[in-house]
Amino acid sequence: MMSYDDINMHSIFDVNKKEGSMKSVTIRGIEPEVSEKLKLTAAEQGKSINQLSIEIIKESLGLKKEKKYSREYDDLDDLFGRWSEDEFKEIHSKISKERQIDQDLWA
């Protein structure tokens, strides 16, 4: 027969055995110039050193996943055309004017 204490210990061990949980790894012996380069690169990319390190490791091991739907397509531009910068500004200006709320109508 299981006691109350046996059940509690069993549930504690189950919580600690979760599959797919993140692991911590400590890397020792990093040269100062490597450490400094990691810091600079992470700062330039707006990432933490940890995030950059994980990306570098995944990429070097061939585990980096390519983002889906992150490509910009311009293969239909010849059929439908593109707005020039001036055209875009003009259209954007007109849309912005239409988005203004007339306070007198809502008062």
PDB file of N, CA and C in Angstrom:
ATOM      1  N   MET A   1       0.838  -1.174   0.000  1.00  0.00           N
ATOM      2  CA  MET A   1       0.000   0.000   0.000  1.00  0.00           C
ATOM      3  C   MET A   1       0.887   1.243   0.000  1.00  0.00           C
ATOM      4  N   MET A   2       0.532   2.229  -0.844  1.00  0.00           N
ATOM      5  CA  MET A   2       1.302   3.471  -0.934  1.00  0.00           C
ATOM      6  C   MET A   2       0.858   4.435   0.150  1.00  0.00           C
ATOM      7  N   SER A   3       1.827   5.102   0.704  1.00  0.00           N
ATOM      8  CA  SER A   3       1.504   6.119   1.698  1.00  0.00           C
ATOM      9  C   SER A   3       1.398   7.480   1.010  1.00  0.00           C
ATOM     10  N   TYR A   4       0.924   8.447   1.750  1.00  0.00           N
ATOM     11  CA  TYR A   4       0.792   9.812   1.246  1.00  0.00           C
ATOM     12  C   TYR A   4       2.151  10.341   0.796  1.00  0.00           C
ATOM     13  N   ASP A   5       3.196  10.064   1.572  1.00  0.00           N
ATOM     14  CA  ASP A   5       4.547  10.535   1.238  1.00  0.00           C
ATOM     15  C   ASP A   5       5.044   9.910  -0.060  1.00  0.00           C
ATOM     16  N   ASP A   6       4.725   8.630  -0.301  1.00  0.00           N
ATOM     17  CA  ASP A   6       5.138   7.972  -1.540  1.00  0.00           C
ATOM     18  C   ASP A   6       4.502   8.647  -2.751  1.00  0.00           C
ATOM     19  N   ILE A   7       3.245   9.012  -2.644  1.00  0.00           N
ATOM     20  CA  ILE A   7       2.536   9.662  -3.753  1.00  0.00           C
ATOM     21  C   ILE A   7       3.146  11.032  -4.031  1.00  0.00           C
ATOM     22  N   ASN A   8       3.434  11.803  -2.998  1.00  0.00           N
ATOM     23  CA  ASN A   8       4.039  13.124  -3.195  1.00  0.00           C
ATOM     24  C   ASN A   8       5.414  13.023  -3.826  1.00  0.00           C
ATOM     25  N   MET A   9       6.248  12.098  -3.401  1.00  0.00           N
ATOM     26  CA  MET A   9       7.582  11.930  -3.973  1.00  0.00           C
ATOM     27  C   MET A   9       7.473  11.504  -5.432  1.00  0.00           C
ATOM     28  N   HIS A  10       6.499  10.626  -5.716  1.00  0.00           N
ATOM     29  CA  HIS A  10       6.320  10.149  -7.080  1.00  0.00           C
ATOM     30  C   HIS A  10       5.953  11.317  -8.000  1.00  0.00           C
ATOM     31  N   SER A  11       5.051  12.195  -7.555  1.00  0.00           N
ATOM     32  CA  SER A  11       4.636  13.314  -8.398  1.00  0.00           C
ATOM     33  C   SER A  11       5.767  14.324  -8.574  1.00  0.00           C
ATOM     34  N   ILE A  12       6.596  14.503  -7.563  1.00  0.00           N
ATOM     35  CA  ILE A  12       7.741  15.411  -7.685  1.00  0.00           C
ATOM     36  C   ILE A  12       8.702  14.879  -8.740  1.00  0.00           C
ATOM     37  N   PHE A  13       8.971  13.585  -8.736  1.00  0.00           N
ATOM     38  CA  PHE A  13       9.876  13.007  -9.718  1.00  0.00           C
ATOM     39  C   PHE A  13       9.297  13.107 -11.127  1.00  0.00           C
ATOM     40  N   ASP A  14       7.987  12.945 -11.279  1.00  0.00           N
ATOM     41  CA  ASP A  14       7.365  13.061 -12.591  1.00  0.00           C
ATOM     42  C   ASP A  14       7.523  14.472 -13.149  1.00  0.00           C
ATOM     43  N   VAL A  15       7.375  15.488 -12.313  1.00  0.00           N
ATOM     44  CA  VAL A  15       7.519  16.868 -12.760  1.00  0.00           C
ATOM     45  C   VAL A  15       8.929  17.109 -13.266  1.00  0.00           C
ATOM     46  N   ASN A  16       9.916  16.538 -12.615  1.00  0.00           N
ATOM     47  CA  ASN A  16      11.303  16.741 -13.003  1.00  0.00           C
ATOM     48  C   ASN A  16      11.700  15.952 -14.248  1.00  0.00           C
ATOM     49  N   LYS A  17      10.890  15.022 -14.711  1.00  0.00           N
ATOM     50  CA  LYS A  17      11.224  14.185 -15.856  1.00  0.00           C
ATOM     51  C   LYS A  17      10.521  14.619 -17.132  1.00  0.00           C
ATOM     52  N   LYS A  18      10.041  15.848 -17.200  1.00  0.00           N
ATOM     53  CA  LYS A  18       9.315  16.307 -18.383  1.00  0.00           C
ATOM     54  C   LYS A  18      10.188  16.162 -19.625  1.00  0.00           C
ATOM     55  N   GLU A  19       9.583  15.612 -20.672  1.00  0.00           N
ATOM     56  CA  GLU A  19      10.293  15.490 -21.925  1.00  0.00           C
ATOM     57  C   GLU A  19      10.312  16.835 -22.634  1.00  0.00           C
ATOM     58  N   GLY A  20      11.391  17.106 -23.342  1.00  0.00           N
ATOM     59  CA  GLY A  20      11.483  18.323 -24.133  1.00  0.00           C
ATOM     60  C   GLY A  20      11.816  19.569 -23.333  1.00  0.00           C
ATOM     61  N   SER A  21      12.157  19.414 -22.049  1.00  0.00           N
ATOM     62  CA  SER A  21      12.491  20.596 -21.264  1.00  0.00           C
ATOM     63  C   SER A  21      13.879  21.099 -21.666  1.00  0.00           C
ATOM     64  N   MET A  22      14.083  22.392 -21.517  1.00  0.00           N
ATOM     65  CA  MET A  22      15.344  23.020 -21.890  1.00  0.00           C
ATOM     66  C   MET A  22      16.434  22.605 -20.912  1.00  0.00           C
ATOM     67  N   LYS A  23      17.621  22.412 -21.435  1.00  0.00           N
ATOM     68  CA  LYS A  23      18.766  22.054 -20.620  1.00  0.00           C
ATOM     69  C   LYS A  23      19.714  23.242 -20.525  1.00  0.00           C
ATOM     70  N   SER A  24      20.468  23.292 -19.442  1.00  0.00           N
ATOM     71  CA  SER A  24      21.490  24.321 -19.270  1.00  0.00           C
ATOM     72  C   SER A  24      22.851  23.697 -19.513  1.00  0.00           C
ATOM     73  N   VAL A  25      23.696  24.423 -20.223  1.00  0.00           N
ATOM     74  CA  VAL A  25      25.046  23.960 -20.512  1.00  0.00           C
ATOM     75  C   VAL A  25      25.999  25.094 -20.171  1.00  0.00           C
ATOM     76  N   THR A  26      27.076  24.774 -19.470  1.00  0.00           N
ATOM     77  CA  THR A  26      28.096  25.759 -19.151  1.00  0.00           C
ATOM     78  C   THR A  26      29.299  25.505 -20.040  1.00  0.00           C
ATOM     79  N   ILE A  27      29.790  26.546 -20.676  1.00  0.00           N
ATOM     80  CA  ILE A  27      30.970  26.421 -21.524  1.00  0.00           C
ATOM     81  C   ILE A  27      32.108  27.152 -20.833  1.00  0.00           C
ATOM     82  N   ARG A  28      33.193  26.423 -20.583  1.00  0.00           N
ATOM     83  CA  ARG A  28      34.353  27.005 -19.890  1.00  0.00           C
ATOM     84  C   ARG A  28      35.496  27.192 -20.878  1.00  0.00           C
ATOM     85  N   GLY A  29      36.423  28.045 -20.526  1.00  0.00           N
ATOM     86  CA  GLY A  29      37.652  28.202 -21.301  1.00  0.00           C
ATOM     87  C   GLY A  29      37.491  29.051 -22.556  1.00  0.00           C
ATOM     88  N   ILE A  30      36.556  29.983 -22.551  1.00  0.00           N
ATOM     89  CA  ILE A  30      36.375  30.857 -23.710  1.00  0.00           C
ATOM     90  C   ILE A  30      37.402  31.983 -23.624  1.00  0.00           C
ATOM     91  N   GLU A  31      38.148  32.151 -24.718  1.00  0.00           N
ATOM     92  CA  GLU A  31      39.169  33.196 -24.761  1.00  0.00           C
ATOM     93  C   GLU A  31      38.516  34.574 -24.689  1.00  0.00           C
ATOM     94  N   PRO A  32      39.209  35.555 -24.108  1.00  0.00           N
ATOM     95  CA  PRO A  32      38.640  36.905 -23.969  1.00  0.00           C
ATOM     96  C   PRO A  32      38.203  37.513 -25.306  1.00  0.00           C
ATOM     97  N   GLU A  33      38.981  37.285 -26.394  1.00  0.00           N
ATOM     98  CA  GLU A  33      38.604  37.882 -27.681  1.00  0.00           C
ATOM     99  C   GLU A  33      37.331  37.253 -28.244  1.00  0.00           C
ATOM    100  N   VAL A  34      37.115  35.959 -27.971  1.00  0.00           N
ATOM    101  CA  VAL A  34      35.883  35.295 -28.400  1.00  0.00           C
ATOM    102  C   VAL A  34      34.710  35.847 -27.595  1.00  0.00           C
ATOM    103  N   SER A  35      34.908  35.988 -26.303  1.00  0.00           N
ATOM    104  CA  SER A  35      33.867  36.531 -25.434  1.00  0.00           C
ATOM    105  C   SER A  35      33.488  37.942 -25.862  1.00  0.00           C
ATOM    106  N   GLU A  36      34.490  38.766 -26.154  1.00  0.00           N
ATOM    107  CA  GLU A  36      34.240  40.140 -26.563  1.00  0.00           C
ATOM    108  C   GLU A  36      33.512  40.190 -27.903  1.00  0.00           C
ATOM    109  N   LYS A  37      33.904  39.316 -28.835  1.00  0.00           N
ATOM    110  CA  LYS A  37      33.241  39.270 -30.146  1.00  0.00           C
ATOM    111  C   LYS A  37      31.783  38.838 -30.000  1.00  0.00           C
ATOM    112  N   LEU A  38      31.514  37.883 -29.105  1.00  0.00           N
ATOM    113  CA  LEU A  38      30.135  37.463 -28.843  1.00  0.00           C
ATOM    114  C   LEU A  38      29.309  38.639 -28.315  1.00  0.00           C
ATOM    115  N   LYS A  39      29.877  39.377 -27.373  1.00  0.00           N
ATOM    116  CA  LYS A  39      29.173  40.522 -26.791  1.00  0.00           C
ATOM    117  C   LYS A  39      28.861  41.572 -27.853  1.00  0.00           C
ATOM    118  N   LEU A  40      29.857  41.904 -28.677  1.00  0.00           N
ATOM    119  CA  LEU A  40      29.670  42.926 -29.702  1.00  0.00           C
ATOM    120  C   LEU A  40      28.638  42.498 -30.743  1.00  0.00           C
ATOM    121  N   THR A  41      28.751  41.255 -31.208  1.00  0.00           N
ATOM    122  CA  THR A  41      27.830  40.753 -32.221  1.00  0.00           C
ATOM    123  C   THR A  41      26.411  40.695 -31.688  1.00  0.00           C
ATOM    124  N   ALA A  42      26.242  40.232 -30.450  1.00  0.00           N
ATOM    125  CA  ALA A  42      24.916  40.167 -29.836  1.00  0.00           C
ATOM    126  C   ALA A  42      24.317  41.564 -29.726  1.00  0.00           C
ATOM    127  N   ALA A  43      25.127  42.534 -29.309  1.00  0.00           N
ATOM    128  CA  ALA A  43      24.640  43.910 -29.179  1.00  0.00           C
ATOM    129  C   ALA A  43      24.247  44.482 -30.537  1.00  0.00           C
ATOM    130  N   GLU A  44      25.053  44.227 -31.567  1.00  0.00           N
ATOM    131  CA  GLU A  44      24.751  44.723 -32.915  1.00  0.00           C
ATOM    132  C   GLU A  44      23.438  44.157 -33.443  1.00  0.00           C
ATOM    133  N   GLN A  45      23.157  42.900 -33.113  1.00  0.00           N
ATOM    134  CA  GLN A  45      21.949  42.240 -33.598  1.00  0.00           C
ATOM    135  C   GLN A  45      20.759  42.407 -32.651  1.00  0.00           C
ATOM    136  N   GLY A  46      20.985  43.082 -31.529  1.00  0.00           N
ATOM    137  CA  GLY A  46      19.905  43.296 -30.566  1.00  0.00           C
ATOM    138  C   GLY A  46      19.470  42.013 -29.880  1.00  0.00           C
ATOM    139  N   LYS A  47      20.410  41.121 -29.626  1.00  0.00           N
ATOM    140  CA  LYS A  47      20.109  39.837 -29.002  1.00  0.00           C
ATOM    141  C   LYS A  47      20.933  39.686 -27.732  1.00  0.00           C
ATOM    142  N   SER A  48      20.532  38.731 -26.909  1.00  0.00           N
ATOM    143  CA  SER A  48      21.344  38.407 -25.738  1.00  0.00           C
ATOM    144  C   SER A  48      22.490  37.503 -26.195  1.00  0.00           C
ATOM    145  N   ILE A  49      23.525  37.419 -25.373  1.00  0.00           N
ATOM    146  CA  ILE A  49      24.645  36.529 -25.689  1.00  0.00           C
ATOM    147  C   ILE A  49      24.155  35.090 -25.734  1.00  0.00           C
ATOM    148  N   ASN A  50      23.250  34.738 -24.842  1.00  0.00           N
ATOM    149  CA  ASN A  50      22.697  33.387 -24.809  1.00  0.00           C
ATOM    150  C   ASN A  50      21.957  33.069 -26.109  1.00  0.00           C
ATOM    151  N   GLN A  51      21.104  33.991 -26.553  1.00  0.00           N
ATOM    152  CA  GLN A  51      20.334  33.779 -27.778  1.00  0.00           C
ATOM    153  C   GLN A  51      21.263  33.635 -28.987  1.00  0.00           C
ATOM    154  N   LEU A  52      22.264  34.500 -29.087  1.00  0.00           N
ATOM    155  CA  LEU A  52      23.213  34.433 -30.192  1.00  0.00           C
ATOM    156  C   LEU A  52      23.986  33.122 -30.158  1.00  0.00           C
ATOM    157  N   SER A  53      24.420  32.705 -28.972  1.00  0.00           N
ATOM    158  CA  SER A  53      25.177  31.458 -28.837  1.00  0.00           C
ATOM    159  C   SER A  53      24.351  30.256 -29.277  1.00  0.00           C
ATOM    160  N   ILE A  54      23.089  30.222 -28.886  1.00  0.00           N
ATOM    161  CA  ILE A  54      22.204  29.120 -29.282  1.00  0.00           C
ATOM    162  C   ILE A  54      22.055  29.088 -30.802  1.00  0.00           C
ATOM    163  N   GLU A  55      21.874  30.275 -31.421  1.00  0.00           N
ATOM    164  CA  GLU A  55      21.738  30.338 -32.873  1.00  0.00           C
ATOM    165  C   GLU A  55      23.000  29.839 -33.574  1.00  0.00           C
ATOM    166  N   ILE A  56      24.163  30.241 -33.073  1.00  0.00           N
ATOM    167  CA  ILE A  56      25.435  29.811 -33.674  1.00  0.00           C
ATOM    168  C   ILE A  56      25.600  28.301 -33.556  1.00  0.00           C
ATOM    169  N   ILE A  57      25.289  27.761 -32.392  1.00  0.00           N
ATOM    170  CA  ILE A  57      25.412  26.309 -32.182  1.00  0.00           C
ATOM    171  C   ILE A  57      24.461  25.553 -33.091  1.00  0.00           C
ATOM    172  N   LYS A  58      23.191  25.978 -33.152  1.00  0.00           N
ATOM    173  CA  LYS A  58      22.219  25.302 -34.016  1.00  0.00           C
ATOM    174  C   LYS A  58      22.643  25.351 -35.477  1.00  0.00           C
ATOM    175  N   GLU A  59      23.123  26.517 -35.908  1.00  0.00           N
ATOM    176  CA  GLU A  59      23.541  26.665 -37.303  1.00  0.00           C
ATOM    177  C   GLU A  59      24.728  25.760 -37.619  1.00  0.00           C
ATOM    178  N   SER A  60      25.708  25.707 -36.720  1.00  0.00           N
ATOM    179  CA  SER A  60      26.890  24.882 -36.976  1.00  0.00           C
ATOM    180  C   SER A  60      26.581  23.388 -36.943  1.00  0.00           C
ATOM    181  N   LEU A  61      25.520  23.001 -36.236  1.00  0.00           N
ATOM    182  CA  LEU A  61      25.124  21.590 -36.171  1.00  0.00           C
ATOM    183  C   LEU A  61      24.074  21.230 -37.225  1.00  0.00           C
ATOM    184  N   GLY A  62      23.690  22.203 -38.036  1.00  0.00           N
ATOM    185  CA  GLY A  62      22.698  21.951 -39.072  1.00  0.00           C
ATOM    186  C   GLY A  62      21.283  21.827 -38.530  1.00  0.00           C
ATOM    187  N   LEU A  63      21.020  22.452 -37.389  1.00  0.00           N
ATOM    188  CA  LEU A  63      19.700  22.362 -36.758  1.00  0.00           C
ATOM    189  C   LEU A  63      18.880  23.638 -36.885  1.00  0.00           C
ATOM    190  N   LYS A  64      19.428  24.623 -37.568  1.00  0.00           N
ATOM    191  CA  LYS A  64      18.713  25.899 -37.692  1.00  0.00           C
ATOM    192  C   LYS A  64      17.544  25.721 -38.650  1.00  0.00           C
ATOM    193  N   LYS A  65      16.365  26.106 -38.174  1.00  0.00           N
ATOM    194  CA  LYS A  65      15.154  25.992 -38.985  1.00  0.00           C
ATOM    195  C   LYS A  65      14.949  27.293 -39.755  1.00  0.00           C
ATOM    196  N   GLU A  66      14.643  27.152 -41.032  1.00  0.00           N
ATOM    197  CA  GLU A  66      14.372  28.326 -41.845  1.00  0.00           C
ATOM    198  C   GLU A  66      12.946  28.786 -41.587  1.00  0.00           C
ATOM    199  N   LYS A  67      12.769  30.081 -41.460  1.00  0.00           N
ATOM    200  CA  LYS A  67      11.445  30.628 -41.207  1.00  0.00           C
ATOM    201  C   LYS A  67      10.566  30.438 -42.435  1.00  0.00           C
ATOM    202  N   LYS A  68       9.331  30.033 -42.202  1.00  0.00           N
ATOM    203  CA  LYS A  68       8.370  29.917 -43.283  1.00  0.00           C
ATOM    204  C   LYS A  68       7.748  31.286 -43.537  1.00  0.00           C
ATOM    205  N   TYR A  69       7.436  31.552 -44.744  1.00  0.00           N
ATOM    206  CA  TYR A  69       6.704  32.745 -45.152  1.00  0.00           C
ATOM    207  C   TYR A  69       7.429  34.042 -44.820  1.00  0.00           C
ATOM    208  N   SER A  70       8.737  34.015 -44.716  1.00  0.00           N
ATOM    209  CA  SER A  70       9.454  35.240 -44.405  1.00  0.00           C
ATOM    210  C   SER A  70      10.059  35.883 -45.655  1.00  0.00           C
ATOM    211  N   ARG A  71       9.895  35.232 -46.795  1.00  0.00           N
ATOM    212  CA  ARG A  71      10.439  35.773 -48.030  1.00  0.00           C
ATOM    213  C   ARG A  71       9.472  36.787 -48.639  1.00  0.00           C
ATOM    214  N   GLU A  72      10.040  37.792 -49.278  1.00  0.00           N
ATOM    215  CA  GLU A  72       9.227  38.752 -50.008  1.00  0.00           C
ATOM    216  C   GLU A  72       9.250  38.347 -51.473  1.00  0.00           C
ATOM    217  N   TYR A  73       8.092  38.302 -52.044  1.00  0.00           N
ATOM    218  CA  TYR A  73       7.980  37.906 -53.439  1.00  0.00           C
ATOM    219  C   TYR A  73       7.729  39.130 -54.301  1.00  0.00           C
ATOM    220  N   ASP A  74       8.413  39.184 -55.419  1.00  0.00           N
ATOM    221  CA  ASP A  74       8.186  40.265 -56.366  1.00  0.00           C
ATOM    222  C   ASP A  74       8.046  39.725 -57.789  1.00  0.00           C
ATOM    223  N   ASP A  75       7.708  38.439 -57.904  1.00  0.00           N
ATOM    224  CA  ASP A  75       7.623  37.811 -59.212  1.00  0.00           C
ATOM    225  C   ASP A  75       6.398  38.245 -60.012  1.00  0.00           C
ATOM    226  N   LEU A  76       5.419  38.887 -59.401  1.00  0.00           N
ATOM    227  CA  LEU A  76       4.234  39.354 -60.126  1.00  0.00           C
ATOM    228  C   LEU A  76       4.287  40.850 -60.412  1.00  0.00           C
ATOM    229  N   ASP A  77       5.387  41.495 -60.054  1.00  0.00           N
ATOM    230  CA  ASP A  77       5.507  42.935 -60.261  1.00  0.00           C
ATOM    231  C   ASP A  77       5.385  43.308 -61.729  1.00  0.00           C
ATOM    232  N   ASP A  78       5.898  42.468 -62.621  1.00  0.00           N
ATOM    233  CA  ASP A  78       5.815  42.759 -64.052  1.00  0.00           C
ATOM    234  C   ASP A  78       4.369  42.757 -64.532  1.00  0.00           C
ATOM    235  N   LEU A  79       3.535  41.923 -63.936  1.00  0.00           N
ATOM    236  CA  LEU A  79       2.134  41.857 -64.337  1.00  0.00           C
ATOM    237  C   LEU A  79       1.304  42.998 -63.747  1.00  0.00           C
ATOM    238  N   PHE A  80       1.536  43.309 -62.487  1.00  0.00           N
ATOM    239  CA  PHE A  80       0.693  44.263 -61.775  1.00  0.00           C
ATOM    240  C   PHE A  80       1.373  45.594 -61.489  1.00  0.00           C
ATOM    241  N   GLY A  81       2.664  45.636 -61.606  1.00  0.00           N
ATOM    242  CA  GLY A  81       3.410  46.872 -61.378  1.00  0.00           C
ATOM    243  C   GLY A  81       3.738  47.113 -59.913  1.00  0.00           C
ATOM    244  N   ARG A  82       4.447  48.196 -59.697  1.00  0.00           N
ATOM    245  CA  ARG A  82       4.853  48.610 -58.356  1.00  0.00           C
ATOM    246  C   ARG A  82       4.602  50.088 -58.196  1.00  0.00           C
ATOM    247  N   TRP A  83       4.380  50.518 -56.982  1.00  0.00           N
ATOM    248  CA  TRP A  83       4.258  51.938 -56.709  1.00  0.00           C
ATOM    249  C   TRP A  83       5.646  52.537 -56.582  1.00  0.00           C
ATOM    250  N   SER A  84       5.797  53.712 -57.122  1.00  0.00           N
ATOM    251  CA  SER A  84       7.035  54.450 -56.880  1.00  0.00           C
ATOM    252  C   SER A  84       6.968  54.993 -55.453  1.00  0.00           C
ATOM    253  N   GLU A  85       8.059  55.522 -54.988  1.00  0.00           N
ATOM    254  CA  GLU A  85       8.081  56.083 -53.629  1.00  0.00           C
ATOM    255  C   GLU A  85       7.107  57.259 -53.523  1.00  0.00           C
ATOM    256  N   ASP A  86       7.056  58.078 -54.567  1.00  0.00           N
ATOM    257  CA  ASP A  86       6.130  59.229 -54.560  1.00  0.00           C
ATOM    258  C   ASP A  86       4.675  58.770 -54.561  1.00  0.00           C
ATOM    259  N   GLU A  87       4.367  57.745 -55.374  1.00  0.00           N
ATOM    260  CA  GLU A  87       3.001  57.212 -55.404  1.00  0.00           C
ATOM    261  C   GLU A  87       2.603  56.650 -54.043  1.00  0.00           C
ATOM    262  N   PHE A  88       3.528  55.935 -53.418  1.00  0.00           N
ATOM    263  CA  PHE A  88       3.250  55.376 -52.104  1.00  0.00           C
ATOM    264  C   PHE A  88       2.950  56.475 -51.090  1.00  0.00           C
ATOM    265  N   LYS A  89       3.775  57.525 -51.098  1.00  0.00           N
ATOM    266  CA  LYS A  89       3.569  58.628 -50.152  1.00  0.00           C
ATOM    267  C   LYS A  89       2.213  59.295 -50.374  1.00  0.00           C
ATOM    268  N   GLU A  90       1.848  59.483 -51.649  1.00  0.00           N
ATOM    269  CA  GLU A  90       0.564  60.113 -51.963  1.00  0.00           C
ATOM    270  C   GLU A  90      -0.605  59.259 -51.472  1.00  0.00           C
ATOM    271  N   ILE A  91      -0.556  57.965 -51.752  1.00  0.00           N
ATOM    272  CA  ILE A  91      -1.629  57.055 -51.332  1.00  0.00           C
ATOM    273  C   ILE A  91      -1.686  56.967 -49.808  1.00  0.00           C
ATOM    274  N   HIS A  92      -0.516  56.849 -49.202  1.00  0.00           N
ATOM    275  CA  HIS A  92      -0.457  56.760 -47.745  1.00  0.00           C
ATOM    276  C   HIS A  92      -1.033  58.026 -47.109  1.00  0.00           C
ATOM    277  N   SER A  93      -0.735  59.174 -47.693  1.00  0.00           N
ATOM    278  CA  SER A  93      -1.253  60.446 -47.178  1.00  0.00           C
ATOM    279  C   SER A  93      -2.780  60.476 -47.253  1.00  0.00           C
ATOM    280  N   LYS A  94      -3.332  60.028 -48.388  1.00  0.00           N
ATOM    281  CA  LYS A  94      -4.790  60.019 -48.549  1.00  0.00           C
ATOM    282  C   LYS A  94      -5.453  59.062 -47.567  1.00  0.00           C
ATOM    283  N   ILE A  95      -4.855  57.900 -47.380  1.00  0.00           N
ATOM    284  CA  ILE A  95      -5.412  56.928 -46.435  1.00  0.00           C
ATOM    285  C   ILE A  95      -5.360  57.494 -45.013  1.00  0.00           C
ATOM    286  N   SER A  96      -4.254  58.134 -44.673  1.00  0.00           N
ATOM    287  CA  SER A  96      -4.118  58.714 -43.333  1.00  0.00           C
ATOM    288  C   SER A  96      -5.177  59.776 -43.071  1.00  0.00           C
ATOM    289  N   LYS A  97      -5.478  60.584 -44.090  1.00  0.00           N
ATOM    290  CA  LYS A  97      -6.510  61.611 -43.939  1.00  0.00           C
ATOM    291  C   LYS A  97      -7.872  60.975 -43.693  1.00  0.00           C
ATOM    292  N   GLU A  98      -8.151  59.870 -44.364  1.00  0.00           N
ATOM    293  CA  GLU A  98      -9.433  59.178 -44.207  1.00  0.00           C
ATOM    294  C   GLU A  98      -9.562  58.521 -42.833  1.00  0.00           C
ATOM    295  N   ARG A  99      -8.473  58.236 -42.208  1.00  0.00           N
ATOM    296  CA  ARG A  99      -8.495  57.579 -40.899  1.00  0.00           C
ATOM    297  C   ARG A  99      -8.699  58.558 -39.753  1.00  0.00           C
ATOM    298  N   GLN A 100      -8.720  59.847 -40.042  1.00  0.00           N
ATOM    299  CA  GLN A 100      -8.919  60.847 -39.001  1.00  0.00           C
ATOM    300  C   GLN A 100     -10.363  60.789 -38.513  1.00  0.00           C
ATOM    301  N   ILE A 101     -10.534  60.896 -37.225  1.00  0.00           N
ATOM    302  CA  ILE A 101     -11.865  60.860 -36.623  1.00  0.00           C
ATOM    303  C   ILE A 101     -12.361  62.274 -36.422  1.00  0.00           C
ATOM    304  N   ASP A 102     -13.539  62.549 -36.949  1.00  0.00           N
ATOM    305  CA  ASP A 102     -14.161  63.865 -36.764  1.00  0.00           C
ATOM    306  C   ASP A 102     -14.815  63.867 -35.384  1.00  0.00           C
ATOM    307  N   GLN A 103     -14.215  64.587 -34.464  1.00  0.00           N
ATOM    308  CA  GLN A 103     -14.690  64.597 -33.086  1.00  0.00           C
ATOM    309  C   GLN A 103     -16.104  65.160 -32.972  1.00  0.00           C
ATOM    310  N   ASP A 104     -16.480  66.099 -33.847  1.00  0.00           N
ATOM    311  CA  ASP A 104     -17.827  66.677 -33.798  1.00  0.00           C
ATOM    312  C   ASP A 104     -18.898  65.621 -34.089  1.00  0.00           C
ATOM    313  N   LEU A 105     -18.597  64.651 -34.933  1.00  0.00           N
ATOM    314  CA  LEU A 105     -19.570  63.619 -35.253  1.00  0.00           C
ATOM    315  C   LEU A 105     -19.782  62.634 -34.093  1.00  0.00           C
ATOM    316  N   TRP A 106     -18.803  62.515 -33.237  1.00  0.00           N
ATOM    317  CA  TRP A 106     -18.865  61.524 -32.150  1.00  0.00           C
ATOM    318  C   TRP A 106     -19.108  62.171 -30.783  1.00  0.00           C
ATOM    319  N   ALA A 107     -19.299  63.469 -30.754  1.00  0.00           N
ATOM    320  CA  ALA A 107     -19.498  64.142 -29.455  1.00  0.00           C
ATOM    321  C   ALA A 107     -20.926  64.070 -29.000  1.00  0.00           C
TER     322      ALA A 107
END
